[in-house]
Amino acid sequence: MGDSAEKQTKPSFFKGVKSEYKKISWPDRQSTLKQSIAVVVISVVMGVLIAVLDYVFQYGVNFLTSL
């Protein structure tokens, strides 16, 4: 009995998805390239920063435990 109500809502759901998909504004190739390069550069910089801080903290802990 409740199956008929579910079958009626599914097609409207997919119609809604299709209409929303048409509204998507995709970035152009140049913008995507710039943003990808920015993500990679920031990731590398943060990785180096974390590695340096890890080394400094490790040296400080080793110095304090050797006293």
N, C-alpha and C. Protein backbone atom coordinates (compact mmCIF):
# COMPACT_ATOMS: atom_id res chain seq x y z
N MET A 1 0.82 -1.18 0.00
CA MET A 1 0.00 0.00 0.00
C MET A 1 0.88 1.26 0.00
N GLY A 2 1.92 1.28 0.82
CA GLY A 2 2.81 2.43 0.86
C GLY A 2 3.77 2.45 -0.31
N ASP A 3 3.84 1.34 -1.06
CA ASP A 3 4.76 1.26 -2.19
C ASP A 3 4.38 2.23 -3.30
N SER A 4 3.11 2.46 -3.52
CA SER A 4 2.69 3.33 -4.61
C SER A 4 3.11 4.78 -4.34
N ALA A 5 3.09 5.19 -3.09
CA ALA A 5 3.50 6.55 -2.75
C ALA A 5 5.00 6.72 -2.97
N GLU A 6 5.78 5.68 -2.65
CA GLU A 6 7.22 5.76 -2.84
C GLU A 6 7.57 5.80 -4.32
N LYS A 7 6.86 5.06 -5.15
CA LYS A 7 7.13 5.04 -6.58
C LYS A 7 6.82 6.38 -7.22
N GLN A 8 5.86 7.09 -6.70
CA GLN A 8 5.52 8.40 -7.26
C GLN A 8 6.57 9.44 -6.90
N THR A 9 7.22 9.34 -5.74
CA THR A 9 8.19 10.35 -5.34
C THR A 9 9.55 10.14 -5.99
N LYS A 10 9.90 8.91 -6.38
CA LYS A 10 11.22 8.66 -6.97
C LYS A 10 11.42 9.39 -8.29
N PRO A 11 10.48 9.36 -9.24
CA PRO A 11 10.71 10.10 -10.48
C PRO A 11 10.86 11.60 -10.25
N SER A 12 10.11 12.16 -9.31
CA SER A 12 10.25 13.58 -9.06
C SER A 12 11.61 13.88 -8.43
N PHE A 13 12.14 12.94 -7.65
CA PHE A 13 13.47 13.13 -7.07
C PHE A 13 14.51 13.22 -8.18
N PHE A 14 14.47 12.30 -9.12
CA PHE A 14 15.45 12.31 -10.19
C PHE A 14 15.28 13.50 -11.12
N LYS A 15 14.05 13.97 -11.29
CA LYS A 15 13.84 15.18 -12.07
C LYS A 15 14.47 16.38 -11.37
N GLY A 16 14.35 16.40 -10.04
CA GLY A 16 14.96 17.47 -9.26
C GLY A 16 16.47 17.43 -9.35
N VAL A 17 17.04 16.24 -9.30
CA VAL A 17 18.48 16.09 -9.42
C VAL A 17 18.95 16.58 -10.79
N LYS A 18 18.21 16.21 -11.82
CA LYS A 18 18.57 16.61 -13.18
C LYS A 18 18.51 18.13 -13.33
N SER A 19 17.48 18.76 -12.79
CA SER A 19 17.37 20.21 -12.91
C SER A 19 18.46 20.92 -12.11
N GLU A 20 18.81 20.39 -10.95
CA GLU A 20 19.88 20.99 -10.17
C GLU A 20 21.23 20.79 -10.85
N TYR A 21 21.43 19.66 -11.50
CA TYR A 21 22.68 19.38 -12.21
C TYR A 21 22.90 20.37 -13.35
N LYS A 22 21.82 20.80 -13.98
CA LYS A 22 21.92 21.77 -15.07
C LYS A 22 22.34 23.14 -14.56
N LYS A 23 22.11 23.43 -13.29
CA LYS A 23 22.45 24.73 -12.72
C LYS A 23 23.92 24.85 -12.32
N ILE A 24 24.66 23.76 -12.36
CA ILE A 24 26.05 23.77 -11.92
C ILE A 24 26.89 24.63 -12.86
N SER A 25 27.71 25.48 -12.28
CA SER A 25 28.63 26.31 -13.05
C SER A 25 30.03 25.73 -12.88
N TRP A 26 30.51 25.04 -13.90
CA TRP A 26 31.80 24.39 -13.82
C TRP A 26 32.91 25.40 -14.06
N PRO A 27 34.03 25.31 -13.32
CA PRO A 27 35.14 26.25 -13.56
C PRO A 27 35.84 25.93 -14.88
N ASP A 28 36.47 26.96 -15.45
CA ASP A 28 37.19 26.72 -16.69
C ASP A 28 38.53 26.05 -16.41
N ARG A 29 39.20 25.64 -17.46
CA ARG A 29 40.44 24.87 -17.35
C ARG A 29 41.53 25.68 -16.64
N GLN A 30 41.65 26.96 -16.96
CA GLN A 30 42.70 27.81 -16.37
C GLN A 30 42.48 27.96 -14.86
N SER A 31 41.26 28.18 -14.45
CA SER A 31 40.95 28.33 -13.03
C SER A 31 41.24 27.03 -12.27
N THR A 32 40.87 25.91 -12.86
CA THR A 32 41.12 24.61 -12.23
C THR A 32 42.61 24.37 -12.07
N LEU A 33 43.38 24.73 -13.09
CA LEU A 33 44.84 24.55 -13.03
C LEU A 33 45.45 25.41 -11.93
N LYS A 34 45.04 26.68 -11.86
CA LYS A 34 45.57 27.59 -10.83
C LYS A 34 45.24 27.09 -9.42
N GLN A 35 44.02 26.64 -9.23
CA GLN A 35 43.61 26.16 -7.91
C GLN A 35 44.33 24.87 -7.54
N SER A 36 44.56 24.01 -8.51
CA SER A 36 45.28 22.75 -8.25
C SER A 36 46.73 23.03 -7.87
N ILE A 37 47.36 23.96 -8.58
CA ILE A 37 48.74 24.33 -8.24
C ILE A 37 48.80 24.94 -6.85
N ALA A 38 47.84 25.78 -6.51
CA ALA A 38 47.81 26.39 -5.18
C ALA A 38 47.68 25.33 -4.09
N VAL A 39 46.84 24.33 -4.31
CA VAL A 39 46.66 23.26 -3.32
C VAL A 39 47.95 22.48 -3.14
N VAL A 40 48.63 22.16 -4.23
CA VAL A 40 49.87 21.39 -4.14
C VAL A 40 50.95 22.20 -3.43
N VAL A 41 51.09 23.48 -3.79
CA VAL A 41 52.12 24.32 -3.16
C VAL A 41 51.86 24.48 -1.68
N ILE A 42 50.63 24.76 -1.31
CA ILE A 42 50.31 24.93 0.12
C ILE A 42 50.53 23.62 0.87
N SER A 43 50.21 22.49 0.26
CA SER A 43 50.41 21.20 0.92
C SER A 43 51.90 20.94 1.16
N VAL A 44 52.73 21.26 0.17
CA VAL A 44 54.18 21.06 0.33
C VAL A 44 54.72 21.99 1.40
N VAL A 45 54.31 23.25 1.39
CA VAL A 45 54.79 24.21 2.39
C VAL A 45 54.36 23.77 3.79
N MET A 46 53.13 23.35 3.95
CA MET A 46 52.67 22.90 5.27
C MET A 46 53.41 21.63 5.71
N GLY A 47 53.69 20.74 4.77
CA GLY A 47 54.45 19.53 5.10
C GLY A 47 55.84 19.86 5.59
N VAL A 48 56.51 20.79 4.92
CA VAL A 48 57.85 21.21 5.34
C VAL A 48 57.79 21.89 6.70
N LEU A 49 56.80 22.74 6.91
CA LEU A 49 56.65 23.43 8.19
C LEU A 49 56.42 22.43 9.33
N ILE A 50 55.58 21.45 9.11
CA ILE A 50 55.32 20.44 10.13
C ILE A 50 56.57 19.62 10.40
N ALA A 51 57.33 19.29 9.36
CA ALA A 51 58.56 18.51 9.54
C ALA A 51 59.58 19.30 10.34
N VAL A 52 59.71 20.59 10.07
CA VAL A 52 60.66 21.43 10.82
C VAL A 52 60.23 21.54 12.28
N LEU A 53 58.94 21.78 12.52
CA LEU A 53 58.47 21.86 13.91
C LEU A 53 58.66 20.54 14.64
N ASP A 54 58.43 19.44 13.95
CA ASP A 54 58.63 18.12 14.56
C ASP A 54 60.09 17.93 14.95
N TYR A 55 60.99 18.33 14.07
CA TYR A 55 62.43 18.21 14.38
C TYR A 55 62.81 19.08 15.57
N VAL A 56 62.30 20.31 15.61
CA VAL A 56 62.62 21.22 16.72
C VAL A 56 62.08 20.67 18.03
N PHE A 57 60.84 20.21 18.04
CA PHE A 57 60.26 19.65 19.27
C PHE A 57 60.99 18.38 19.70
N GLN A 58 61.36 17.56 18.74
CA GLN A 58 62.10 16.34 19.07
C GLN A 58 63.45 16.69 19.70
N TYR A 59 64.13 17.68 19.14
CA TYR A 59 65.42 18.10 19.70
C TYR A 59 65.21 18.67 21.11
N GLY A 60 64.15 19.46 21.30
CA GLY A 60 63.90 20.04 22.63
C GLY A 60 63.57 18.97 23.67
N VAL A 61 62.76 17.99 23.32
CA VAL A 61 62.42 16.92 24.24
C VAL A 61 63.67 16.09 24.56
N ASN A 62 64.45 15.76 23.56
CA ASN A 62 65.68 15.00 23.80
C ASN A 62 66.64 15.77 24.69
N PHE A 63 66.72 17.08 24.51
CA PHE A 63 67.59 17.91 25.35
C PHE A 63 67.10 17.91 26.79
N LEU A 64 65.79 18.03 26.98
CA LEU A 64 65.23 18.07 28.34
C LEU A 64 65.36 16.71 29.03
N THR A 65 65.21 15.61 28.31
CA THR A 65 65.30 14.31 28.93
C THR A 65 66.74 13.88 29.20
N SER A 66 67.69 14.53 28.56
CA SER A 66 69.10 14.17 28.79
C SER A 66 69.70 14.93 29.97
N LEU A 67 68.99 15.85 30.58
CA LEU A 67 69.51 16.60 31.73
C LEU A 67 69.65 15.77 32.95
